[in-house]
Amino acid sequence: LARAHLIQDLKSDLGVNDEGIHIVLHLVDQ
C-alpha cells in the first residue's frame, strides 16, 4: 500500500514517467 501511494505521488504530483518510476523503485529497493 505504501509503495502504491509512492507510485501515485511520483506520477501525479511529480510527473514522473514509467521509466522514471522503474528507476526510483529500483533505487528504493536497493
All heavy atoms as atom14 arrays in JSON, in Angstrom:
{
  "sequence": "LARAHLIQDLKSDLGVNDEGIHIVLHLVDQ",
  "atom14_mask": [
    [1, 1, 1, 1, 1, 1, 1, 1, 0, 0, 0, 0, 0, 0],
    [1, 1, 1, 1, 1, 0, 0, 0, 0, 0, 0, 0, 0, 0],
    [1, 1, 1, 1, 1, 1, 1, 1, 1, 1, 1, 0, 0, 0],
    [1, 1, 1, 1, 1, 0, 0, 0, 0, 0, 0, 0, 0, 0],
    [1, 1, 1, 1, 1, 1, 1, 1, 1, 1, 0, 0, 0, 0],
    [1, 1, 1, 1, 1, 1, 1, 1, 0, 0, 0, 0, 0, 0],
    [1, 1, 1, 1, 1, 1, 1, 1, 0, 0, 0, 0, 0, 0],
    [1, 1, 1, 1, 1, 1, 1, 1, 1, 0, 0, 0, 0, 0],
    [1, 1, 1, 1, 1, 1, 1, 1, 0, 0, 0, 0, 0, 0],
    [1, 1, 1, 1, 1, 1, 1, 1, 0, 0, 0, 0, 0, 0],
    [1, 1, 1, 1, 1, 1, 1, 1, 1, 0, 0, 0, 0, 0],
    [1, 1, 1, 1, 1, 1, 0, 0, 0, 0, 0, 0, 0, 0],
    [1, 1, 1, 1, 1, 1, 1, 1, 0, 0, 0, 0, 0, 0],
    [1, 1, 1, 1, 1, 1, 1, 1, 0, 0, 0, 0, 0, 0],
    [1, 1, 1, 1, 0, 0, 0, 0, 0, 0, 0, 0, 0, 0],
    [1, 1, 1, 1, 1, 1, 1, 0, 0, 0, 0, 0, 0, 0],
    [1, 1, 1, 1, 1, 1, 1, 1, 0, 0, 0, 0, 0, 0],
    [1, 1, 1, 1, 1, 1, 1, 1, 0, 0, 0, 0, 0, 0],
    [1, 1, 1, 1, 1, 1, 1, 1, 1, 0, 0, 0, 0, 0],
    [1, 1, 1, 1, 0, 0, 0, 0, 0, 0, 0, 0, 0, 0],
    [1, 1, 1, 1, 1, 1, 1, 1, 0, 0, 0, 0, 0, 0],
    [1, 1, 1, 1, 1, 1, 1, 1, 1, 1, 0, 0, 0, 0],
    [1, 1, 1, 1, 1, 1, 1, 1, 0, 0, 0, 0, 0, 0],
    [1, 1, 1, 1, 1, 1, 1, 0, 0, 0, 0, 0, 0, 0],
    [1, 1, 1, 1, 1, 1, 1, 1, 0, 0, 0, 0, 0, 0],
    [1, 1, 1, 1, 1, 1, 1, 1, 1, 1, 0, 0, 0, 0],
    [1, 1, 1, 1, 1, 1, 1, 1, 0, 0, 0, 0, 0, 0],
    [1, 1, 1, 1, 1, 1, 1, 0, 0, 0, 0, 0, 0, 0],
    [1, 1, 1, 1, 1, 1, 1, 1, 0, 0, 0, 0, 0, 0],
    [1, 1, 1, 1, 1, 1, 1, 1, 1, 0, 0, 0, 0, 0]
  ],
  "atom14_positions": [
    [[0.83, -1.2, 0.0], [0.0, 0.0, 0.0], [0.87, 1.26, 0.0], [0.62, 2.2, -0.76], [-0.94, -0.01, 1.21], [-1.94, 1.12, 1.29], [-2.85, 1.16, 0.07], [-2.76, 0.99, 2.57], [0.0, 0.0, 0.0], [0.0, 0.0, 0.0], [0.0, 0.0, 0.0], [0.0, 0.0, 0.0], [0.0, 0.0, 0.0], [0.0, 0.0, 0.0]],
    [[1.91, 1.27, 0.82], [2.83, 2.42, 0.85], [3.5, 2.6, -0.5], [3.67, 3.73, -0.98], [3.86, 2.23, 1.96], [0.0, 0.0, 0.0], [0.0, 0.0, 0.0], [0.0, 0.0, 0.0], [0.0, 0.0, 0.0], [0.0, 0.0, 0.0], [0.0, 0.0, 0.0], [0.0, 0.0, 0.0], [0.0, 0.0, 0.0], [0.0, 0.0, 0.0]],
    [[3.88, 1.49, -1.11], [4.52, 1.54, -2.43], [3.55, 2.08, -3.48], [3.93, 2.89, -4.33], [5.01, 0.14, -2.79], [5.98, 0.07, -3.91], [6.58, -1.33, -3.95], [7.4, -1.54, -5.1], [8.72, -1.54, -5.08], [9.37, -1.35, -3.96], [9.41, -1.75, -6.19], [0.0, 0.0, 0.0], [0.0, 0.0, 0.0], [0.0, 0.0, 0.0]],
    [[2.3, 1.66, -3.41], [1.29, 2.17, -4.34], [1.11, 3.68, -4.16], [1.0, 4.42, -5.15], [-0.04, 1.45, -4.13], [0.0, 0.0, 0.0], [0.0, 0.0, 0.0], [0.0, 0.0, 0.0], [0.0, 0.0, 0.0], [0.0, 0.0, 0.0], [0.0, 0.0, 0.0], [0.0, 0.0, 0.0], [0.0, 0.0, 0.0], [0.0, 0.0, 0.0]],
    [[1.1, 4.14, -2.92], [0.96, 5.58, -2.67], [2.18, 6.34, -3.2], [2.04, 7.43, -3.75], [0.75, 5.86, -1.19], [-0.61, 5.48, -0.71], [-0.86, 5.09, 0.58], [-1.8, 5.41, -1.35], [-2.14, 4.79, 0.71], [-2.73, 4.99, -0.45], [0.0, 0.0, 0.0], [0.0, 0.0, 0.0], [0.0, 0.0, 0.0], [0.0, 0.0, 0.0]],
    [[3.38, 5.74, -3.04], [4.58, 6.37, -3.59], [4.48, 6.49, -5.11], [4.77, 7.54, -5.67], [5.82, 5.55, -3.21], [7.14, 5.98, -3.86], [7.5, 7.42, -3.49], [8.25, 5.01, -3.5], [0.0, 0.0, 0.0], [0.0, 0.0, 0.0], [0.0, 0.0, 0.0], [0.0, 0.0, 0.0], [0.0, 0.0, 0.0], [0.0, 0.0, 0.0]],
    [[4.05, 5.42, -5.76], [3.91, 5.44, -7.22], [2.89, 6.51, -7.63], [3.13, 7.29, -8.57], [3.49, 4.06, -7.76], [4.59, 3.03, -7.49], [3.18, 4.14, -9.25], [4.16, 1.59, -7.68], [0.0, 0.0, 0.0], [0.0, 0.0, 0.0], [0.0, 0.0, 0.0], [0.0, 0.0, 0.0], [0.0, 0.0, 0.0], [0.0, 0.0, 0.0]],
    [[1.77, 6.57, -6.92], [0.75, 7.58, -7.23], [1.32, 8.99, -7.08], [1.09, 9.85, -7.93], [-0.46, 7.4, -6.31], [-1.29, 6.18, -6.64], [-2.35, 5.91, -5.58], [-2.12, 6.03, -4.39], [-3.54, 5.52, -6.04], [0.0, 0.0, 0.0], [0.0, 0.0, 0.0], [0.0, 0.0, 0.0], [0.0, 0.0, 0.0], [0.0, 0.0, 0.0]],
    [[2.06, 9.22, -6.01], [2.66, 10.54, -5.79], [3.68, 10.88, -6.88], [3.72, 12.01, -7.38], [3.34, 10.61, -4.42], [2.37, 10.62, -3.26], [1.15, 10.84, -3.49], [2.81, 10.39, -2.12], [0.0, 0.0, 0.0], [0.0, 0.0, 0.0], [0.0, 0.0, 0.0], [0.0, 0.0, 0.0], [0.0, 0.0, 0.0], [0.0, 0.0, 0.0]],
    [[4.5, 9.91, -7.22], [5.51, 10.15, -8.27], [4.84, 10.5, -9.59], [5.28, 11.42, -10.29], [6.4, 8.92, -8.45], [7.37, 8.61, -7.31], [8.01, 7.24, -7.51], [8.44, 9.69, -7.21], [0.0, 0.0, 0.0], [0.0, 0.0, 0.0], [0.0, 0.0, 0.0], [0.0, 0.0, 0.0], [0.0, 0.0, 0.0], [0.0, 0.0, 0.0]],
    [[3.78, 9.77, -9.92], [3.1, 10.01, -11.21], [2.3, 11.31, -11.19], [2.44, 12.14, -12.09], [2.17, 8.83, -11.54], [2.91, 7.59, -12.02], [1.95, 6.48, -12.34], [1.82, 6.08, -13.74], [2.72, 6.45, -14.75], [0.0, 0.0, 0.0], [0.0, 0.0, 0.0], [0.0, 0.0, 0.0], [0.0, 0.0, 0.0], [0.0, 0.0, 0.0]],
    [[1.47, 11.48, -10.19], [0.54, 12.62, -10.23], [1.16, 13.92, -9.73], [0.99, 14.96, -10.36], [-0.73, 12.31, -9.44], [-0.43, 12.09, -8.08], [0.0, 0.0, 0.0], [0.0, 0.0, 0.0], [0.0, 0.0, 0.0], [0.0, 0.0, 0.0], [0.0, 0.0, 0.0], [0.0, 0.0, 0.0], [0.0, 0.0, 0.0], [0.0, 0.0, 0.0]],
    [[1.88, 13.88, -8.62], [2.42, 15.11, -8.05], [3.72, 15.56, -8.71], [3.98, 16.76, -8.84], [2.67, 14.95, -6.55], [1.38, 14.74, -5.76], [0.29, 14.99, -6.31], [1.47, 14.31, -4.59], [0.0, 0.0, 0.0], [0.0, 0.0, 0.0], [0.0, 0.0, 0.0], [0.0, 0.0, 0.0], [0.0, 0.0, 0.0], [0.0, 0.0, 0.0]],
    [[4.54, 14.6, -9.11], [5.86, 14.94, -9.65], [5.98, 14.73, -11.15], [6.99, 15.09, -11.75], [6.94, 14.14, -8.91], [7.02, 14.39, -7.4], [8.01, 13.45, -6.75], [7.38, 15.84, -7.12], [0.0, 0.0, 0.0], [0.0, 0.0, 0.0], [0.0, 0.0, 0.0], [0.0, 0.0, 0.0], [0.0, 0.0, 0.0], [0.0, 0.0, 0.0]],
    [[4.99, 14.1, -11.76], [5.0, 13.91, -13.21], [6.07, 12.95, -13.71], [6.53, 13.06, -14.85], [0.0, 0.0, 0.0], [0.0, 0.0, 0.0], [0.0, 0.0, 0.0], [0.0, 0.0, 0.0], [0.0, 0.0, 0.0], [0.0, 0.0, 0.0], [0.0, 0.0, 0.0], [0.0, 0.0, 0.0], [0.0, 0.0, 0.0], [0.0, 0.0, 0.0]],
    [[6.46, 11.99, -12.88], [7.49, 11.03, -13.27], [6.87, 10.02, -14.25], [5.78, 9.51, -14.03], [8.04, 10.3, -12.02], [9.07, 9.25, -12.4], [8.65, 11.31, -11.04], [0.0, 0.0, 0.0], [0.0, 0.0, 0.0], [0.0, 0.0, 0.0], [0.0, 0.0, 0.0], [0.0, 0.0, 0.0], [0.0, 0.0, 0.0], [0.0, 0.0, 0.0]],
    [[7.6, 9.74, -15.34], [7.1, 8.79, -16.33], [7.4, 7.36, -15.89], [8.06, 7.13, -14.86], [7.69, 9.07, -17.72], [9.18, 8.9, -17.78], [9.81, 8.27, -16.95], [9.79, 9.48, -18.81], [0.0, 0.0, 0.0], [0.0, 0.0, 0.0], [0.0, 0.0, 0.0], [0.0, 0.0, 0.0], [0.0, 0.0, 0.0], [0.0, 0.0, 0.0]],
    [[6.93, 6.38, -16.66], [7.06, 4.98, -16.27], [8.51, 4.55, -16.09], [8.84, 3.81, -15.15], [6.36, 4.07, -17.28], [4.85, 4.13, -17.18], [4.33, 4.82, -16.27], [4.18, 3.48, -18.0], [0.0, 0.0, 0.0], [0.0, 0.0, 0.0], [0.0, 0.0, 0.0], [0.0, 0.0, 0.0], [0.0, 0.0, 0.0], [0.0, 0.0, 0.0]],
    [[9.4, 4.96, -16.98], [10.8, 4.6, -16.85], [11.4, 5.2, -15.58], [12.17, 4.55, -14.88], [11.61, 5.06, -18.08], [13.06, 4.66, -18.05], [13.3, 3.15, -17.97], [12.47, 2.37, -18.5], [14.32, 2.75, -17.37], [0.0, 0.0, 0.0], [0.0, 0.0, 0.0], [0.0, 0.0, 0.0], [0.0, 0.0, 0.0], [0.0, 0.0, 0.0]],
    [[11.02, 6.43, -15.28], [11.49, 7.07, -14.05], [10.97, 6.36, -12.82], [11.7, 6.2, -11.83], [0.0, 0.0, 0.0], [0.0, 0.0, 0.0], [0.0, 0.0, 0.0], [0.0, 0.0, 0.0], [0.0, 0.0, 0.0], [0.0, 0.0, 0.0], [0.0, 0.0, 0.0], [0.0, 0.0, 0.0], [0.0, 0.0, 0.0], [0.0, 0.0, 0.0]],
    [[9.72, 5.91, -12.86], [9.15, 5.16, -11.72], [9.95, 3.88, -11.51], [10.29, 3.54, -10.38], [7.67, 4.82, -11.99], [6.9, 6.1, -12.16], [7.12, 3.9, -10.93], [5.85, 6.44, -11.17], [0.0, 0.0, 0.0], [0.0, 0.0, 0.0], [0.0, 0.0, 0.0], [0.0, 0.0, 0.0], [0.0, 0.0, 0.0], [0.0, 0.0, 0.0]],
    [[10.26, 3.19, -12.61], [11.04, 1.96, -12.51], [12.38, 2.24, -11.83], [12.8, 1.48, -10.94], [11.25, 1.36, -13.9], [12.08, 0.13, -13.91], [11.6, -1.09, -13.5], [13.38, -0.06, -14.23], [12.57, -1.99, -13.59], [13.66, -1.38, -14.03], [0.0, 0.0, 0.0], [0.0, 0.0, 0.0], [0.0, 0.0, 0.0], [0.0, 0.0, 0.0]],
    [[13.03, 3.3, -12.21], [14.33, 3.65, -11.64], [14.2, 4.0, -10.16], [14.97, 3.52, -9.33], [14.99, 4.8, -12.43], [15.38, 4.31, -13.82], [16.2, 5.37, -11.69], [15.75, 5.42, -14.79], [0.0, 0.0, 0.0], [0.0, 0.0, 0.0], [0.0, 0.0, 0.0], [0.0, 0.0, 0.0], [0.0, 0.0, 0.0], [0.0, 0.0, 0.0]],
    [[13.23, 4.83, -9.83], [13.03, 5.23, -8.42], [12.75, 4.0, -7.56], [13.34, 3.84, -6.48], [11.89, 6.26, -8.3], [11.51, 6.47, -6.84], [12.29, 7.58, -8.95], [0.0, 0.0, 0.0], [0.0, 0.0, 0.0], [0.0, 0.0, 0.0], [0.0, 0.0, 0.0], [0.0, 0.0, 0.0], [0.0, 0.0, 0.0], [0.0, 0.0, 0.0]],
    [[11.86, 3.12, -8.01], [11.54, 1.93, -7.22], [12.75, 1.01, -7.07], [12.97, 0.44, -5.99], [10.37, 1.18, -7.85], [9.02, 1.91, -7.81], [7.96, 1.1, -8.53], [8.6, 2.21, -6.38], [0.0, 0.0, 0.0], [0.0, 0.0, 0.0], [0.0, 0.0, 0.0], [0.0, 0.0, 0.0], [0.0, 0.0, 0.0], [0.0, 0.0, 0.0]],
    [[13.54, 0.9, -8.12], [14.76, 0.09, -8.04], [15.71, 0.67, -6.99], [16.28, -0.08, -6.18], [15.43, 0.02, -9.42], [16.7, -0.76, -9.43], [16.71, -2.13, -9.32], [17.98, -0.36, -9.55], [17.97, -2.54, -9.35], [18.75, -1.49, -9.49], [0.0, 0.0, 0.0], [0.0, 0.0, 0.0], [0.0, 0.0, 0.0], [0.0, 0.0, 0.0]],
    [[15.88, 1.98, -6.99], [16.76, 2.63, -6.01], [16.21, 2.49, -4.59], [16.99, 2.24, -3.66], [16.95, 4.1, -6.38], [17.76, 4.36, -7.64], [17.71, 5.84, -8.01], [19.19, 3.87, -7.49], [0.0, 0.0, 0.0], [0.0, 0.0, 0.0], [0.0, 0.0, 0.0], [0.0, 0.0, 0.0], [0.0, 0.0, 0.0], [0.0, 0.0, 0.0]],
    [[14.91, 2.62, -4.43], [14.3, 2.44, -3.11], [14.53, 1.01, -2.62], [14.88, 0.79, -1.45], [12.79, 2.78, -3.15], [12.07, 2.3, -1.9], [12.59, 4.27, -3.33], [0.0, 0.0, 0.0], [0.0, 0.0, 0.0], [0.0, 0.0, 0.0], [0.0, 0.0, 0.0], [0.0, 0.0, 0.0], [0.0, 0.0, 0.0], [0.0, 0.0, 0.0]],
    [[14.36, 0.03, -3.51], [14.59, -1.37, -3.13], [16.05, -1.59, -2.73], [16.33, -2.3, -1.75], [14.21, -2.3, -4.28], [12.71, -2.34, -4.53], [11.94, -1.92, -3.65], [12.32, -2.79, -5.64], [0.0, 0.0, 0.0], [0.0, 0.0, 0.0], [0.0, 0.0, 0.0], [0.0, 0.0, 0.0], [0.0, 0.0, 0.0], [0.0, 0.0, 0.0]],
    [[16.98, -1.0, -3.46], [18.39, -1.12, -3.12], [18.68, -0.49, -1.76], [19.42, -1.05, -0.96], [19.27, -0.47, -4.18], [19.4, -1.26, -5.45], [20.36, -0.61, -6.43], [20.49, 0.62, -6.47], [21.04, -1.42, -7.21], [0.0, 0.0, 0.0], [0.0, 0.0, 0.0], [0.0, 0.0, 0.0], [0.0, 0.0, 0.0], [0.0, 0.0, 0.0]]
  ]
}
